[in-house]
Amino acid sequence: MMDEQAAWLGVDTPEVAPPDESLADGLIVGLEHYPAQVLHTPGHTQGSVCLHFVPLNMVFAGDTLFAGSIGRTDLPGGDSNQILDSIHTRLLALPDETKVLPAMVL
């Protein structure tokens, strides 16, 4: 969809390299002393993920959660029922003491 998205912005389609690896659910990423578990949270897009830093009791919510809202689902690939399910089953299931770092709208 890179051609379509570039057209929405009125820019040329950028050259895009393929990803090195997919962020599969459960994959551990991050730095040696700050590992994070990938939580697949589809809904904003089909590939949406959050990063759960278990030792820090922290989750980076990406575009799944925003301060005071949830991620958009009105663009191609978005699904409002799916994002609500992701929030209920993946994020609300985390321990109560988990700090949530949502995306910020500027």
C-alpha atoms as a PDB file:
ATOM      1  CA  MET A   1       0.000   0.000   0.000  1.00  0.00           C
ATOM      2  CA  MET A   2       3.038   2.274  -0.078  1.00  0.00           C
ATOM      3  CA  ASP A   3       1.931   3.742  -3.451  1.00  0.00           C
ATOM      4  CA  GLU A   4      -1.519   4.616  -2.076  1.00  0.00           C
ATOM      5  CA  GLN A   5      -0.180   6.103   1.142  1.00  0.00           C
ATOM      6  CA  ALA A   6       2.371   8.229  -0.699  1.00  0.00           C
ATOM      7  CA  ALA A   7      -0.417   9.463  -3.001  1.00  0.00           C
ATOM      8  CA  TRP A   8      -2.512  10.522   0.043  1.00  0.00           C
ATOM      9  CA  LEU A   9       0.393  12.742   1.080  1.00  0.00           C
ATOM     10  CA  GLY A  10       1.178  13.935  -2.437  1.00  0.00           C
ATOM     11  CA  VAL A  11       4.734  12.586  -2.400  1.00  0.00           C
ATOM     12  CA  ASP A  12       6.671  10.135  -4.545  1.00  0.00           C
ATOM     13  CA  THR A  13       6.643   6.526  -3.408  1.00  0.00           C
ATOM     14  CA  PRO A  14       9.779   6.027  -1.324  1.00  0.00           C
ATOM     15  CA  GLU A  15      12.116   3.112  -1.841  1.00  0.00           C
ATOM     16  CA  VAL A  16      11.395   0.540   0.851  1.00  0.00           C
ATOM     17  CA  ALA A  17      13.662  -2.283   1.967  1.00  0.00           C
ATOM     18  CA  PRO A  18      12.083  -5.531   3.130  1.00  0.00           C
ATOM     19  CA  PRO A  19      12.049  -6.052   6.904  1.00  0.00           C
ATOM     20  CA  ASP A  20      14.921  -7.972   8.480  1.00  0.00           C
ATOM     21  CA  GLU A  21      12.514 -10.019  10.582  1.00  0.00           C
ATOM     22  CA  SER A  22       8.841 -10.113  11.529  1.00  0.00           C
ATOM     23  CA  LEU A  23       7.837  -9.185  15.073  1.00  0.00           C
ATOM     24  CA  ALA A  24       6.087 -12.432  15.933  1.00  0.00           C
ATOM     25  CA  ASP A  25       3.950 -12.641  19.054  1.00  0.00           C
ATOM     26  CA  GLY A  26       6.117 -13.700  21.992  1.00  0.00           C
ATOM     27  CA  LEU A  27       9.427 -12.751  20.344  1.00  0.00           C
ATOM     28  CA  ILE A  28      11.899 -11.196  22.792  1.00  0.00           C
ATOM     29  CA  VAL A  29      13.493  -7.980  21.483  1.00  0.00           C
ATOM     30  CA  GLY A  30      15.246  -4.997  23.041  1.00  0.00           C
ATOM     31  CA  LEU A  31      18.573  -4.588  24.742  1.00  0.00           C
ATOM     32  CA  GLU A  32      20.401  -7.138  26.881  1.00  0.00           C
ATOM     33  CA  HIS A  33      19.347  -5.569  30.184  1.00  0.00           C
ATOM     34  CA  TYR A  34      15.954  -4.355  28.894  1.00  0.00           C
ATOM     35  CA  PRO A  35      14.264  -7.261  27.108  1.00  0.00           C
ATOM     36  CA  ALA A  36      10.756  -6.752  25.778  1.00  0.00           C
ATOM     37  CA  GLN A  37       8.184  -9.328  24.740  1.00  0.00           C
ATOM     38  CA  VAL A  38       6.269  -8.621  21.527  1.00  0.00           C
ATOM     39  CA  LEU A  39       2.493  -8.630  22.055  1.00  0.00           C
ATOM     40  CA  HIS A  40       0.593  -8.902  18.770  1.00  0.00           C
ATOM     41  CA  THR A  41      -2.287  -6.403  19.076  1.00  0.00           C
ATOM     42  CA  PRO A  42      -4.002  -6.218  15.683  1.00  0.00           C
ATOM     43  CA  GLY A  43      -6.729  -3.692  15.042  1.00  0.00           C
ATOM     44  CA  HIS A  44      -5.011  -0.387  14.214  1.00  0.00           C
ATOM     45  CA  THR A  45      -3.257  -2.433  11.528  1.00  0.00           C
ATOM     46  CA  GLN A  46      -3.018  -6.193  11.122  1.00  0.00           C
ATOM     47  CA  GLY A  47       0.626  -6.115  12.212  1.00  0.00           C
ATOM     48  CA  SER A  48       0.253  -3.836  15.250  1.00  0.00           C
ATOM     49  CA  VAL A  49       2.347  -4.784  18.254  1.00  0.00           C
ATOM     50  CA  CYS A  50       3.018  -3.547  21.766  1.00  0.00           C
ATOM     51  CA  LEU A  51       6.266  -4.136  23.651  1.00  0.00           C
ATOM     52  CA  HIS A  52       5.980  -5.506  27.190  1.00  0.00           C
ATOM     53  CA  PHE A  53       9.064  -4.853  29.307  1.00  0.00           C
ATOM     54  CA  VAL A  54       8.290  -7.435  32.001  1.00  0.00           C
ATOM     55  CA  PRO A  55      11.223  -6.625  34.371  1.00  0.00           C
ATOM     56  CA  LEU A  56      10.230  -2.929  34.277  1.00  0.00           C
ATOM     57  CA  ASN A  57       6.453  -3.551  34.627  1.00  0.00           C
ATOM     58  CA  MET A  58       5.985  -1.384  31.532  1.00  0.00           C
ATOM     59  CA  VAL A  59       4.298  -1.671  28.152  1.00  0.00           C
ATOM     60  CA  PHE A  60       4.857   0.568  25.133  1.00  0.00           C
ATOM     61  CA  ALA A  61       1.435   0.588  23.507  1.00  0.00           C
ATOM     62  CA  GLY A  62       2.459   1.847  20.067  1.00  0.00           C
ATOM     63  CA  ASP A  63      -0.573   2.898  18.020  1.00  0.00           C
ATOM     64  CA  THR A  64      -2.908   0.544  19.891  1.00  0.00           C
ATOM     65  CA  LEU A  65      -3.493   3.037  22.723  1.00  0.00           C
ATOM     66  CA  PHE A  66      -3.243   6.808  22.744  1.00  0.00           C
ATOM     67  CA  ALA A  67      -3.464   9.112  25.742  1.00  0.00           C
ATOM     68  CA  GLY A  68      -7.250   9.234  26.205  1.00  0.00           C
ATOM     69  CA  SER A  69      -8.127   7.160  23.133  1.00  0.00           C
ATOM     70  CA  ILE A  70      -7.337   4.100  21.028  1.00  0.00           C
ATOM     71  CA  GLY A  71      -5.628   3.768  17.657  1.00  0.00           C
ATOM     72  CA  ARG A  72      -7.442   4.613  14.448  1.00  0.00           C
ATOM     73  CA  THR A  73      -9.258   1.816  12.693  1.00  0.00           C
ATOM     74  CA  ASP A  74     -10.755   3.721   9.747  1.00  0.00           C
ATOM     75  CA  LEU A  75      -7.794   3.278   7.398  1.00  0.00           C
ATOM     76  CA  PRO A  76      -7.231   0.157   5.254  1.00  0.00           C
ATOM     77  CA  GLY A  77      -6.317  -2.802   7.459  1.00  0.00           C
ATOM     78  CA  GLY A  78      -7.938  -1.325  10.558  1.00  0.00           C
ATOM     79  CA  ASP A  79     -10.654  -3.187  12.443  1.00  0.00           C
ATOM     80  CA  SER A  80     -12.474  -1.647  15.421  1.00  0.00           C
ATOM     81  CA  ASN A  81     -13.688  -4.989  16.831  1.00  0.00           C
ATOM     82  CA  GLN A  82     -10.194  -6.412  16.551  1.00  0.00           C
ATOM     83  CA  ILE A  83      -8.481  -3.508  18.340  1.00  0.00           C
ATOM     84  CA  LEU A  84     -11.006  -3.715  21.187  1.00  0.00           C
ATOM     85  CA  ASP A  85     -10.367  -7.454  21.448  1.00  0.00           C
ATOM     86  CA  SER A  86      -6.592  -6.827  21.481  1.00  0.00           C
ATOM     87  CA  ILE A  87      -6.963  -4.278  24.268  1.00  0.00           C
ATOM     88  CA  HIS A  88      -9.191  -6.564  26.343  1.00  0.00           C
ATOM     89  CA  THR A  89      -7.271  -9.808  25.854  1.00  0.00           C
ATOM     90  CA  ARG A  90      -3.669  -8.608  25.568  1.00  0.00           C
ATOM     91  CA  LEU A  91      -3.332  -5.301  27.450  1.00  0.00           C
ATOM     92  CA  LEU A  92      -5.987  -5.449  30.166  1.00  0.00           C
ATOM     93  CA  ALA A  93      -4.700  -8.954  30.961  1.00  0.00           C
ATOM     94  CA  LEU A  94      -1.325  -7.527  32.072  1.00  0.00           C
ATOM     95  CA  PRO A  95      -0.699  -7.139  35.820  1.00  0.00           C
ATOM     96  CA  ASP A  96      -2.416  -4.118  37.408  1.00  0.00           C
ATOM     97  CA  GLU A  97       0.946  -2.568  38.335  1.00  0.00           C
ATOM     98  CA  THR A  98       2.007  -2.391  34.660  1.00  0.00           C
ATOM     99  CA  LYS A  99       2.799   1.164  33.583  1.00  0.00           C
ATOM    100  CA  VAL A 100       1.346   1.951  30.153  1.00  0.00           C
ATOM    101  CA  LEU A 101       3.150   4.299  27.789  1.00  0.00           C
ATOM    102  CA  PRO A 102       0.572   5.184  25.121  1.00  0.00           C
ATOM    103  CA  ALA A 103       1.236   7.019  21.893  1.00  0.00           C
ATOM    104  CA  MET A 104       0.959  10.783  22.169  1.00  0.00           C
ATOM    105  CA  VAL A 105      -1.038  12.980  19.836  1.00  0.00           C
ATOM    106  CA  LEU A 106       0.760  16.258  19.174  1.00  0.00           C
END
